[in-house]
N, C-alpha and C. Protein backbone atom coordinates (compact mmCIF):
# COMPACT_ATOMS: atom_id res chain seq x y z
N MET A 1 -11.48 49.74 22.76
CA MET A 1 -10.91 48.93 23.19
C MET A 1 -11.51 47.64 22.46
N LYS A 2 -12.84 47.75 21.99
CA LYS A 2 -13.16 46.53 21.33
C LYS A 2 -12.72 46.43 20.00
N ILE A 3 -12.11 47.25 19.55
CA ILE A 3 -11.86 47.30 18.00
C ILE A 3 -10.65 46.65 18.29
N ILE A 4 -9.73 46.94 19.47
CA ILE A 4 -8.50 45.73 19.72
C ILE A 4 -8.86 44.59 19.88
N SER A 5 -9.77 44.33 20.57
CA SER A 5 -10.26 42.85 20.82
C SER A 5 -10.45 42.34 19.51
N ILE A 6 -11.11 43.10 18.82
CA ILE A 6 -11.71 42.34 17.73
C ILE A 6 -10.42 41.90 16.56
N PHE A 7 -9.59 42.88 16.59
CA PHE A 7 -8.34 43.00 15.63
C PHE A 7 -7.52 41.43 16.15
N VAL A 8 -7.22 41.67 17.25
CA VAL A 8 -6.68 40.38 18.08
C VAL A 8 -7.32 39.25 17.72
N SER A 9 -8.45 38.72 17.70
CA SER A 9 -9.13 37.67 17.56
C SER A 9 -8.79 37.38 16.16
N LEU A 10 -9.13 38.48 15.22
CA LEU A 10 -9.18 38.14 13.85
C LEU A 10 -7.74 37.42 13.63
N CYS A 11 -6.89 38.19 14.18
CA CYS A 11 -5.48 37.73 13.94
C CYS A 11 -5.09 36.56 14.44
N LEU A 12 -5.89 36.15 15.25
CA LEU A 12 -5.28 34.56 16.19
C LEU A 12 -6.53 33.57 15.21
N LEU A 13 -7.41 34.10 14.64
CA LEU A 13 -8.30 33.07 13.77
C LEU A 13 -7.48 32.57 12.50
N LEU A 14 -6.88 33.87 11.76
CA LEU A 14 -6.04 33.55 10.40
C LEU A 14 -4.70 33.09 10.78
N ASN A 15 -4.29 33.33 12.00
CA ASN A 15 -3.17 32.91 12.10
C ASN A 15 -3.02 30.95 12.37
N SER A 16 -4.28 30.89 13.01
CA SER A 16 -4.83 28.95 13.35
C SER A 16 -5.14 28.70 11.85
N LEU A 17 -5.73 29.28 11.13
CA LEU A 17 -6.07 28.90 9.69
C LEU A 17 -5.12 28.46 9.16
N GLN A 18 -4.04 29.68 9.05
CA GLN A 18 -2.80 29.27 8.12
C GLN A 18 -2.07 28.23 9.01
N ALA A 19 -1.77 28.00 10.20
CA ALA A 19 -1.16 26.70 10.67
C ALA A 19 -1.75 25.17 10.48
N GLN A 20 -3.09 25.60 10.30
CA GLN A 20 -4.14 24.37 10.11
C GLN A 20 -3.63 23.88 8.28
N ASN A 21 -3.51 25.26 7.70
CA ASN A 21 -3.36 24.79 6.27
C ASN A 21 -2.03 24.51 5.95
N LYS A 22 -0.66 24.79 6.78
CA LYS A 22 -0.01 24.24 6.64
C LYS A 22 0.78 22.56 7.13
N ALA A 23 -0.18 22.22 8.31
CA ALA A 23 -0.27 21.04 8.94
C ALA A 23 -1.09 19.91 7.62
N GLN A 24 -2.17 20.47 6.85
CA GLN A 24 -2.71 19.84 5.98
C GLN A 24 -1.92 19.52 4.92
N LYS A 25 -1.11 20.32 4.36
CA LYS A 25 -0.16 20.21 3.37
C LYS A 25 1.07 19.32 3.52
N ALA A 26 1.53 19.77 5.01
CA ALA A 26 2.58 18.58 5.58
C ALA A 26 1.99 17.06 5.74
N PHE A 27 0.91 16.84 5.60
CA PHE A 27 -0.02 15.63 5.95
C PHE A 27 0.01 15.07 4.34
N GLU A 28 -0.36 16.31 3.66
CA GLU A 28 -0.22 15.43 2.07
C GLU A 28 0.94 14.98 1.43
N VAL A 29 2.13 15.72 1.68
CA VAL A 29 3.61 15.82 1.54
C VAL A 29 3.72 14.25 1.73
N LEU A 30 3.52 13.86 3.35
CA LEU A 30 3.62 12.75 3.99
C LEU A 30 3.48 11.50 3.08
N GLY A 31 1.91 11.74 3.01
CA GLY A 31 1.16 10.72 1.87
C GLY A 31 2.01 10.56 0.40
N ASP A 32 2.44 11.79 -0.22
CA ASP A 32 3.36 11.66 -1.12
C ASP A 32 4.64 10.97 -0.97
N ILE A 33 5.16 10.88 0.28
CA ILE A 33 6.38 10.41 0.27
C ILE A 33 6.17 8.43 0.66
N LEU A 34 5.01 8.30 1.50
CA LEU A 34 4.80 7.01 1.92
C LEU A 34 4.20 6.36 0.75
N GLN A 35 3.79 6.73 -0.60
CA GLN A 35 3.35 5.66 -1.34
C GLN A 35 4.62 5.28 -2.26
N PHE A 36 5.95 5.68 -1.97
CA PHE A 36 6.94 4.63 -2.03
C PHE A 36 7.37 3.65 -1.24
N LEU A 37 6.27 3.03 -0.46
CA LEU A 37 6.29 2.04 0.61
C LEU A 37 7.03 0.67 -0.16
N PRO A 38 6.90 0.51 -1.51
CA PRO A 38 7.46 -0.64 -2.08
C PRO A 38 8.99 -0.78 -2.47
N ALA A 39 9.48 0.50 -2.25
CA ALA A 39 10.87 1.01 -2.38
C ALA A 39 11.84 0.22 -0.60
N PHE A 40 10.73 0.55 0.15
CA PHE A 40 11.08 0.17 1.52
C PHE A 40 11.39 -1.55 1.14
N SER A 41 9.75 -2.36 0.96
CA SER A 41 9.98 -3.48 0.93
C SER A 41 10.92 -4.00 0.14
N ALA A 42 11.36 -3.64 -1.10
CA ALA A 42 12.13 -4.22 -1.82
C ALA A 42 13.59 -4.25 -1.55
N SER A 43 14.13 -2.84 -0.76
CA SER A 43 15.41 -2.82 0.16
C SER A 43 15.57 -3.66 1.33
N TYR A 44 14.11 -3.95 1.93
CA TYR A 44 14.33 -4.97 3.21
C TYR A 44 14.48 -6.30 2.59
N SER A 45 13.59 -6.58 1.15
CA SER A 45 14.11 -8.34 0.67
C SER A 45 15.45 -8.07 0.36
N LEU A 46 16.10 -7.06 -0.19
CA LEU A 46 17.34 -7.22 -0.80
C LEU A 46 18.28 -7.49 0.44
N ALA A 47 18.27 -6.46 1.36
CA ALA A 47 19.11 -6.69 2.72
C ALA A 47 19.01 -8.00 3.57
N ILE A 48 18.13 -8.94 3.47
CA ILE A 48 18.25 -10.34 4.05
C ILE A 48 18.44 -11.42 2.67
N LYS A 49 18.44 -10.58 1.60
CA LYS A 49 18.84 -11.62 0.10
C LYS A 49 17.81 -12.76 0.07
N ASP A 50 16.48 -12.09 0.13
CA ASP A 50 15.13 -12.80 -0.37
C ASP A 50 14.99 -12.35 -1.94
N TYR A 51 15.56 -13.04 -2.87
CA TYR A 51 15.38 -12.80 -3.99
C TYR A 51 14.17 -13.23 -4.71
N GLU A 52 13.48 -14.34 -4.41
CA GLU A 52 12.19 -14.68 -4.50
C GLU A 52 11.42 -13.67 -4.10
N GLY A 53 11.30 -13.24 -2.90
CA GLY A 53 10.48 -12.27 -2.51
C GLY A 53 10.36 -11.01 -3.33
N LEU A 54 11.62 -10.48 -3.79
CA LEU A 54 11.83 -9.29 -4.44
C LEU A 54 11.17 -9.69 -5.86
N LYS A 55 11.27 -10.79 -6.49
CA LYS A 55 10.42 -11.10 -7.78
C LYS A 55 8.94 -11.03 -7.54
N GLU A 56 8.21 -11.50 -6.30
CA GLU A 56 7.01 -11.53 -6.18
C GLU A 56 6.52 -10.27 -5.88
N LEU A 57 7.67 -9.35 -5.14
CA LEU A 57 7.18 -7.75 -4.76
C LEU A 57 7.03 -6.83 -6.16
N ALA A 58 7.86 -7.54 -7.10
CA ALA A 58 8.12 -6.64 -8.42
C ALA A 58 6.56 -7.27 -9.39
N ILE A 59 6.47 -8.36 -9.00
CA ILE A 59 5.02 -8.96 -9.71
C ILE A 59 4.37 -8.32 -9.35
N GLY A 60 3.82 -8.39 -7.93
CA GLY A 60 2.46 -7.82 -7.20
C GLY A 60 2.12 -5.99 -7.76
N PHE A 61 3.54 -5.66 -7.29
CA PHE A 61 3.51 -4.12 -7.40
C PHE A 61 3.05 -3.70 -9.25
N GLY A 62 3.90 -4.34 -9.99
CA GLY A 62 3.95 -4.02 -11.18
C GLY A 62 2.14 -4.41 -11.71
N THR A 63 1.56 -5.51 -11.33
CA THR A 63 0.05 -5.63 -11.88
C THR A 63 -0.55 -4.64 -11.16
N THR A 64 -0.70 -4.51 -9.67
CA THR A 64 -1.30 -3.60 -9.44
C THR A 64 -1.22 -2.03 -9.82
N MET A 65 -0.16 -1.46 -10.32
CA MET A 65 -0.16 -0.32 -11.03
C MET A 65 -0.65 -0.24 -12.48
N GLY A 66 -0.37 -1.39 -13.03
CA GLY A 66 -0.80 -1.86 -14.09
C GLY A 66 -2.58 -1.43 -14.61
N VAL A 67 -2.76 -2.06 -13.61
CA VAL A 67 -4.28 -2.20 -13.47
C VAL A 67 -4.72 -0.68 -13.10
N THR A 68 -4.12 -0.10 -12.07
CA THR A 68 -4.80 1.13 -11.44
C THR A 68 -4.42 2.29 -12.52
N LEU A 69 -3.23 2.16 -13.54
CA LEU A 69 -3.72 3.21 -14.57
C LEU A 69 -4.35 2.69 -15.83
N ILE A 70 -4.26 1.66 -16.07
CA ILE A 70 -5.43 1.18 -16.94
C ILE A 70 -6.69 1.77 -17.16
N THR A 71 -7.27 1.11 -15.36
CA THR A 71 -8.58 1.76 -15.09
C THR A 71 -8.75 3.11 -14.88
N LYS A 72 -7.89 4.17 -14.52
CA LYS A 72 -7.83 5.54 -14.65
C LYS A 72 -8.04 6.07 -15.87
N ALA A 73 -7.05 5.48 -16.89
CA ALA A 73 -7.39 6.03 -17.80
C ALA A 73 -8.50 5.47 -18.75
N SER A 74 -8.94 4.12 -18.54
CA SER A 74 -10.37 3.88 -19.23
C SER A 74 -11.26 4.85 -18.65
N LEU A 75 -11.64 4.89 -17.36
CA LEU A 75 -13.09 5.97 -16.84
C LEU A 75 -12.61 7.21 -17.30
N ASN A 76 -11.57 7.46 -17.40
CA ASN A 76 -11.33 8.97 -18.09
C ASN A 76 -11.91 9.18 -19.32
N ALA A 77 -11.18 8.22 -20.13
CA ALA A 77 -12.10 8.05 -21.59
C ALA A 77 -13.45 8.22 -21.65
N LEU A 78 -14.11 7.53 -20.92
CA LEU A 78 -15.17 7.24 -20.80
C LEU A 78 -16.23 8.54 -20.41
N ALA A 79 -15.77 8.85 -19.17
CA ALA A 79 -16.28 9.82 -18.78
C ALA A 79 -16.47 11.23 -19.87
N LYS A 80 -15.59 11.18 -20.74
CA LYS A 80 -16.06 12.47 -21.67
C LYS A 80 -17.18 12.27 -22.49
N LYS A 81 -17.74 10.85 -22.51
CA LYS A 81 -18.67 10.72 -23.29
C LYS A 81 -20.12 10.39 -22.19
N TYR A 82 -19.85 9.79 -21.27
CA TYR A 82 -20.74 9.31 -20.26
C TYR A 82 -20.28 10.24 -18.71
N PRO A 83 -20.23 11.68 -18.52
CA PRO A 83 -19.64 12.17 -17.27
C PRO A 83 -20.82 11.66 -16.42
N GLN A 84 -22.13 11.82 -16.30
CA GLN A 84 -22.98 11.42 -15.26
C GLN A 84 -22.94 10.07 -14.69
N LYS A 85 -22.50 9.17 -15.55
CA LYS A 85 -22.47 7.47 -15.43
C LYS A 85 -21.23 7.41 -14.64
N LEU A 86 -20.33 8.10 -14.74
CA LEU A 86 -18.77 7.77 -14.02
C LEU A 86 -18.36 8.61 -13.10
N GLN A 87 -19.52 8.58 -11.88
CA GLN A 87 -19.11 10.14 -11.10
C GLN A 87 -18.12 9.41 -10.10
N ILE A 88 -18.23 7.92 -10.25
CA ILE A 88 -17.09 7.43 -8.77
C ILE A 88 -15.76 7.75 -9.25
N ALA A 89 -15.66 8.04 -10.57
CA ALA A 89 -14.09 8.60 -11.12
C ALA A 89 -13.48 9.73 -10.67
N LEU A 90 -15.00 10.62 -10.12
CA LEU A 90 -14.56 11.97 -10.44
C LEU A 90 -13.89 12.25 -8.99
N ARG A 91 -12.70 13.21 -9.18
CA ARG A 91 -11.83 13.48 -7.82
C ARG A 91 -13.01 14.90 -7.37
N PRO A 92 -12.88 14.77 -5.98
CA PRO A 92 -13.72 15.70 -4.77
C PRO A 92 -13.19 17.21 -5.60
N ASN A 93 -12.19 17.41 -5.94
CA ASN A 93 -11.83 18.64 -6.44
C ASN A 93 -12.49 19.26 -7.78
N HIS A 94 -12.76 18.20 -8.34
CA HIS A 94 -13.45 18.50 -9.60
C HIS A 94 -12.23 18.43 -10.72
N ALA A 95 -11.34 18.06 -10.34
CA ALA A 95 -10.08 18.21 -11.56
C ALA A 95 -10.07 17.49 -12.81
N ASN A 96 -10.50 15.94 -12.51
CA ASN A 96 -10.81 15.36 -13.47
C ASN A 96 -11.29 13.90 -13.21
N TYR A 97 -11.43 13.06 -14.29
CA TYR A 97 -12.04 11.73 -13.52
C TYR A 97 -10.90 10.42 -13.66
N GLU A 98 -9.79 11.03 -13.21
CA GLU A 98 -8.77 10.01 -12.97
C GLU A 98 -8.58 9.84 -11.51
N GLY A 99 -10.03 9.85 -10.44
CA GLY A 99 -9.69 9.48 -9.49
C GLY A 99 -9.76 7.83 -8.55
N PHE A 100 -10.44 6.99 -9.35
CA PHE A 100 -10.49 5.81 -9.44
C PHE A 100 -9.89 4.68 -10.14
N PRO A 101 -8.97 3.90 -9.25
CA PRO A 101 -8.79 4.03 -7.83
C PRO A 101 -7.67 4.92 -7.70
N SER A 102 -7.82 4.95 -6.35
CA SER A 102 -6.37 6.01 -6.14
C SER A 102 -4.77 5.28 -5.99
N GLY A 103 -3.93 5.79 -6.89
CA GLY A 103 -2.74 5.14 -7.26
C GLY A 103 -1.67 5.32 -5.84
N HIS A 104 -1.72 6.74 -5.38
CA HIS A 104 -1.13 6.66 -4.37
C HIS A 104 -1.16 5.70 -2.85
N THR A 105 -2.30 5.16 -3.00
CA THR A 105 -2.84 4.25 -1.94
C THR A 105 -2.99 2.98 -2.52
N SER A 106 -2.98 2.18 -3.72
CA SER A 106 -2.73 1.21 -4.37
C SER A 106 -1.42 1.03 -4.32
N SER A 107 -0.47 1.79 -4.42
CA SER A 107 1.02 1.25 -4.39
C SER A 107 1.48 1.16 -2.93
N ALA A 108 1.06 2.12 -2.14
CA ALA A 108 1.02 1.79 -0.56
C ALA A 108 0.93 0.36 -0.23
N PHE A 109 -0.29 0.09 -0.40
CA PHE A 109 -0.94 -1.27 0.05
C PHE A 109 -0.69 -2.33 -0.58
N SER A 110 0.32 -2.08 -2.17
CA SER A 110 0.75 -3.06 -2.64
C SER A 110 1.91 -3.62 -1.79
N ALA A 111 2.89 -2.70 -0.75
CA ALA A 111 3.68 -2.99 -0.19
C ALA A 111 3.53 -3.75 1.13
N ALA A 112 2.34 -3.07 1.32
CA ALA A 112 1.77 -3.78 3.02
C ALA A 112 1.48 -5.24 2.80
N GLY A 113 0.50 -5.51 1.15
CA GLY A 113 0.16 -6.86 1.27
C GLY A 113 1.17 -7.73 1.28
N TYR A 114 2.12 -7.39 0.51
CA TYR A 114 3.61 -7.95 0.04
C TYR A 114 4.40 -8.39 1.47
N MET A 115 4.16 -7.65 2.36
CA MET A 115 5.10 -7.54 3.55
C MET A 115 4.35 -8.47 4.73
N GLN A 116 2.98 -8.50 4.56
CA GLN A 116 2.04 -8.99 5.60
C GLN A 116 2.05 -10.58 5.05
N ARG A 117 1.98 -11.19 3.83
CA ARG A 117 1.95 -12.18 3.13
C ARG A 117 3.55 -13.43 3.34
N ARG A 118 4.48 -12.21 2.82
CA ARG A 118 5.87 -12.66 2.94
C ARG A 118 6.55 -12.76 4.43
N TYR A 119 6.15 -11.88 5.50
CA TYR A 119 7.40 -11.57 6.34
C TYR A 119 5.95 -11.84 7.71
N GLY A 120 4.88 -12.00 7.47
CA GLY A 120 3.99 -11.92 8.77
C GLY A 120 3.56 -10.67 9.06
N TRP A 121 2.73 -10.74 9.91
CA TRP A 121 1.99 -9.45 10.77
C TRP A 121 3.21 -8.39 11.65
N LYS A 122 4.21 -8.92 11.93
CA LYS A 122 5.07 -7.99 12.60
C LYS A 122 5.67 -6.66 11.46
N TRP A 123 5.44 -7.45 10.27
CA TRP A 123 6.02 -6.28 9.19
C TRP A 123 4.60 -6.17 8.73
N GLY A 124 3.43 -6.92 8.41
CA GLY A 124 2.16 -6.37 7.89
C GLY A 124 1.62 -5.16 8.43
N VAL A 125 1.28 -5.43 10.04
CA VAL A 125 0.65 -4.87 10.61
C VAL A 125 1.16 -2.93 10.41
N PRO A 126 2.49 -2.90 10.92
CA PRO A 126 2.96 -1.50 10.64
C PRO A 126 2.87 -0.82 9.14
N MET A 127 3.29 -1.72 8.28
CA MET A 127 3.03 -1.31 6.69
C MET A 127 1.39 -0.97 6.57
N SER A 128 1.01 -1.49 6.87
CA SER A 128 -0.84 -1.24 6.73
C SER A 128 -1.05 -0.34 7.52
N LEU A 129 -0.37 0.17 8.56
CA LEU A 129 -0.93 1.43 8.85
C LEU A 129 -0.23 2.67 8.44
N LEU A 130 0.92 2.30 8.04
CA LEU A 130 1.32 3.76 6.74
C LEU A 130 0.74 3.57 5.38
N ALA A 131 0.62 2.80 5.27
CA ALA A 131 -0.29 2.84 3.98
C ALA A 131 -1.42 3.32 4.32
N THR A 132 -2.50 3.13 5.11
CA THR A 132 -3.54 3.77 5.64
C THR A 132 -3.76 5.29 5.81
N LEU A 133 -2.11 5.61 6.23
CA LEU A 133 -1.99 7.14 6.32
C LEU A 133 -2.12 7.88 4.70
N VAL A 134 -1.49 6.69 3.82
CA VAL A 134 -1.46 7.49 2.57
C VAL A 134 -2.90 7.71 2.36
N GLY A 135 -3.86 6.47 2.78
CA GLY A 135 -5.13 6.84 1.91
C GLY A 135 -5.71 8.10 2.72
N ILE A 136 -5.85 8.51 3.97
CA ILE A 136 -6.37 9.41 4.77
C ILE A 136 -5.62 10.52 4.02
N SER A 137 -4.48 10.49 3.65
CA SER A 137 -3.76 12.08 3.24
C SER A 137 -4.66 12.59 1.89
N ARG A 138 -4.67 11.31 1.13
CA ARG A 138 -5.74 11.63 -0.03
C ARG A 138 -7.05 12.02 -0.08
N VAL A 139 -7.63 11.42 0.92
CA VAL A 139 -8.94 12.13 1.46
C VAL A 139 -9.22 13.75 1.82
N VAL A 140 -8.18 13.80 2.91
CA VAL A 140 -7.36 15.21 3.65
C VAL A 140 -7.04 16.09 2.52
N ALA A 141 -6.63 15.91 1.56
CA ALA A 141 -5.84 16.97 0.39
C ALA A 141 -6.97 17.00 -0.64
N ASN A 142 -8.01 16.48 -0.62
CA ASN A 142 -9.31 16.71 -1.40
C ASN A 142 -8.66 15.96 -2.85
N LYS A 143 -7.96 14.87 -2.71
CA LYS A 143 -7.75 14.45 -4.27
C LYS A 143 -8.72 13.28 -4.44
N HIS A 144 -8.83 12.30 -3.77
CA HIS A 144 -9.86 11.33 -3.74
C HIS A 144 -10.93 11.09 -2.80
N THR A 145 -11.83 10.28 -2.91
CA THR A 145 -13.13 10.01 -1.98
C THR A 145 -12.64 9.04 -1.20
N PRO A 146 -13.17 8.55 -0.06
CA PRO A 146 -13.26 7.58 0.89
C PRO A 146 -13.01 6.24 -0.35
N VAL A 147 -14.27 6.01 -1.40
CA VAL A 147 -14.40 4.98 -1.74
C VAL A 147 -13.01 4.83 -2.91
N GLN A 148 -12.69 6.09 -3.45
CA GLN A 148 -11.50 5.58 -4.33
C GLN A 148 -10.24 5.00 -3.36
N VAL A 149 -10.00 5.64 -2.46
CA VAL A 149 -9.12 5.10 -1.55
C VAL A 149 -9.18 3.62 -1.23
N VAL A 150 -10.62 3.23 -0.94
CA VAL A 150 -10.47 2.10 -0.21
C VAL A 150 -10.20 0.86 -1.32
N ALA A 151 -11.11 1.65 -2.65
CA ALA A 151 -10.59 0.62 -4.13
C ALA A 151 -9.36 0.41 -4.08
N GLY A 152 -8.25 1.65 -3.93
CA GLY A 152 -6.85 1.42 -4.28
C GLY A 152 -6.25 0.52 -3.29
N ALA A 153 -6.58 0.84 -2.05
CA ALA A 153 -6.11 -0.15 -1.00
C ALA A 153 -6.55 -1.76 -1.06
N MET A 154 -7.94 -2.11 -1.48
CA MET A 154 -8.31 -3.54 -1.73
C MET A 154 -7.23 -3.89 -2.90
N LEU A 155 -7.43 -3.11 -3.91
CA LEU A 155 -6.59 -3.83 -5.06
C LEU A 155 -5.33 -3.86 -4.94
N GLY A 156 -4.08 -3.14 -4.10
CA GLY A 156 -3.10 -2.97 -3.78
C GLY A 156 -2.76 -4.35 -2.94
N PHE A 157 -3.44 -4.40 -1.72
CA PHE A 157 -3.16 -5.18 -0.73
C PHE A 157 -3.63 -6.57 -1.56
N GLY A 158 -4.76 -6.87 -2.08
CA GLY A 158 -5.07 -8.02 -2.88
C GLY A 158 -4.30 -8.68 -3.46
N VAL A 159 -3.81 -7.98 -4.88
CA VAL A 159 -2.73 -8.43 -5.29
C VAL A 159 -1.79 -8.91 -5.15
N SER A 160 -1.08 -7.97 -4.10
CA SER A 160 0.33 -8.44 -3.85
C SER A 160 0.05 -9.65 -2.79
N TYR A 161 -0.77 -9.75 -2.16
CA TYR A 161 -0.98 -10.50 -0.97
C TYR A 161 -1.06 -11.95 -1.66
N LEU A 162 -1.84 -11.75 -3.01
CA LEU A 162 -2.17 -13.14 -3.69
C LEU A 162 -1.01 -13.85 -4.57
N VAL A 163 -0.09 -12.95 -4.94
CA VAL A 163 0.90 -13.20 -5.45
C VAL A 163 2.20 -13.62 -4.42
N SER A 164 2.31 -13.32 -3.25
CA SER A 164 3.77 -13.62 -2.80
C SER A 164 3.10 -14.88 -2.07
N SER A 165 4.43 -15.40 -1.60
CA SER A 165 4.44 -16.62 -0.61
C SER A 165 4.99 -16.37 0.58
N ARG A 166 5.13 -17.40 1.85
CA ARG A 166 5.52 -17.01 2.99
C ARG A 166 7.17 -17.10 3.02
N TYR A 167 7.73 -16.32 3.60
CA TYR A 167 9.20 -16.40 3.29
C TYR A 167 9.65 -17.25 4.35
N ILE A 168 10.61 -18.77 4.01
CA ILE A 168 11.30 -19.34 4.98
C ILE A 168 12.44 -19.09 5.06
N ASP A 169 12.68 -18.40 6.09
CA ASP A 169 14.40 -17.98 6.62
C ASP A 169 14.89 -19.71 6.85
N PRO A 170 16.00 -19.51 6.02
CA PRO A 170 17.19 -20.56 6.16
C PRO A 170 17.75 -20.75 7.37
N GLN A 171 17.96 -19.52 7.95
CA GLN A 171 18.53 -19.60 9.26
C GLN A 171 17.57 -19.95 10.49
N LYS A 172 16.64 -20.31 10.50
CA LYS A 172 15.17 -20.45 11.51
C LYS A 172 14.63 -21.78 11.06
N ASP A 173 14.29 -21.88 9.48
CA ASP A 173 13.48 -23.27 9.28
C ASP A 173 14.27 -23.94 8.10
N ARG A 174 14.18 -25.20 8.77
CA ARG A 174 14.92 -26.41 8.05
C ARG A 174 13.93 -27.32 7.87
N ILE A 175 13.93 -27.54 6.43
CA ILE A 175 13.09 -28.64 5.52
C ILE A 175 13.73 -29.70 5.06
N SER A 176 13.82 -30.98 5.46
CA SER A 176 14.67 -31.77 4.70
C SER A 176 13.86 -33.23 4.19
N PHE A 177 14.32 -33.68 3.57
CA PHE A 177 13.35 -34.70 2.70
C PHE A 177 14.53 -35.97 2.62
N GLN A 178 14.12 -37.09 3.35
CA GLN A 178 15.11 -37.88 3.31
C GLN A 178 14.62 -39.40 2.56
N HIS A 179 15.30 -40.16 1.77
CA HIS A 179 15.15 -41.32 1.27
C HIS A 179 16.35 -42.20 1.87
N THR A 180 15.53 -43.36 2.43
CA THR A 180 16.42 -44.64 2.92
C THR A 180 16.11 -45.68 2.42
N VAL A 181 16.76 -46.87 2.77
CA VAL A 181 16.43 -48.31 2.07
C VAL A 181 16.93 -49.02 3.68
N ASP A 182 15.89 -49.61 3.93
CA ASP A 182 16.29 -50.46 5.04
C ASP A 182 17.06 -52.18 5.01
N MET A 183 17.01 -52.76 5.50
CA MET A 183 17.90 -53.99 5.78
C MET A 183 17.32 -54.72 4.60
N ARG A 184 15.60 -54.88 4.78
CA ARG A 184 14.88 -55.78 3.95
C ARG A 184 14.72 -54.93 2.64
N GLN A 185 15.27 -54.12 1.95
CA GLN A 185 15.45 -53.45 0.60
C GLN A 185 14.16 -52.60 0.32
N ARG A 186 13.24 -52.19 1.84
CA ARG A 186 12.02 -51.41 1.59
C ARG A 186 12.25 -49.69 1.57
N GLU A 187 12.23 -49.04 0.58
CA GLU A 187 12.31 -47.69 0.61
C GLU A 187 11.82 -47.26 1.71
N LYS A 188 12.15 -45.92 2.20
CA LYS A 188 11.15 -45.05 3.25
C LYS A 188 11.94 -43.83 2.64
N TYR A 189 10.85 -43.00 3.04
CA TYR A 189 10.57 -41.64 2.76
C TYR A 189 10.24 -40.61 3.77
N SER A 190 11.27 -39.95 4.32
CA SER A 190 10.85 -39.14 5.33
C SER A 190 11.08 -37.61 4.98
N LEU A 191 10.12 -36.94 5.38
CA LEU A 191 10.50 -35.34 5.04
C LEU A 191 10.11 -34.52 6.91
N SER A 192 10.93 -33.99 7.15
CA SER A 192 11.20 -33.13 8.31
C SER A 192 11.11 -31.61 8.59
N TYR A 193 10.56 -31.15 9.61
CA TYR A 193 10.96 -29.83 9.52
C TYR A 193 11.38 -29.24 10.99
N ALA A 194 11.91 -28.28 11.17
CA ALA A 194 12.81 -27.95 12.30
C ALA A 194 12.63 -26.36 12.05
N HIS A 195 12.20 -25.75 13.66
CA HIS A 195 12.15 -24.48 13.43
C HIS A 195 13.16 -23.98 14.56
N SER A 196 14.01 -22.84 14.61
CA SER A 196 14.79 -22.23 15.70
C SER A 196 13.84 -21.13 16.18
N PHE A 197 13.72 -21.12 17.31
CA PHE A 197 13.05 -19.55 18.04
C PHE A 197 14.20 -19.02 18.79
């Protein structure tokens, strides 16, 4: 009877470990998919015909990924000479020195920074939460350390936030400038702003 009990316990343990491994792999795949959040941001900007925003997204995302890739390549090259001094770039699985900053995370947070700055917190908060899932998935998958993920998040969010401007919806926000001349031939200028709720 003890042997059967031990066998059943062992089977249950192995089954739970296998299920945990599958869940971990699924979470990693979710992070791999969500790294493409900038594509969603671009689709949204196109859908509302915000071409200026699309340009800003391209600049922010391009700059973010350029800095990310150059930093990774530089640190990886330097690590061949000075591996002890560049532990910050070493992946937790010891695969290589291309861990700093996290590319998946910088990509996802690039979209979050853009959406936050361009369209406000109603888009920024959900995008930031999704981008955070990307960062967590990279740590859980043992591809990056928390420091590498935070660096990617700061880079992506910061660059895109800085190069983006606030969206002014022509259907809701109207800005007009008027120039008039009164009866005494004095010029007057007026600026008005109207917002529809």
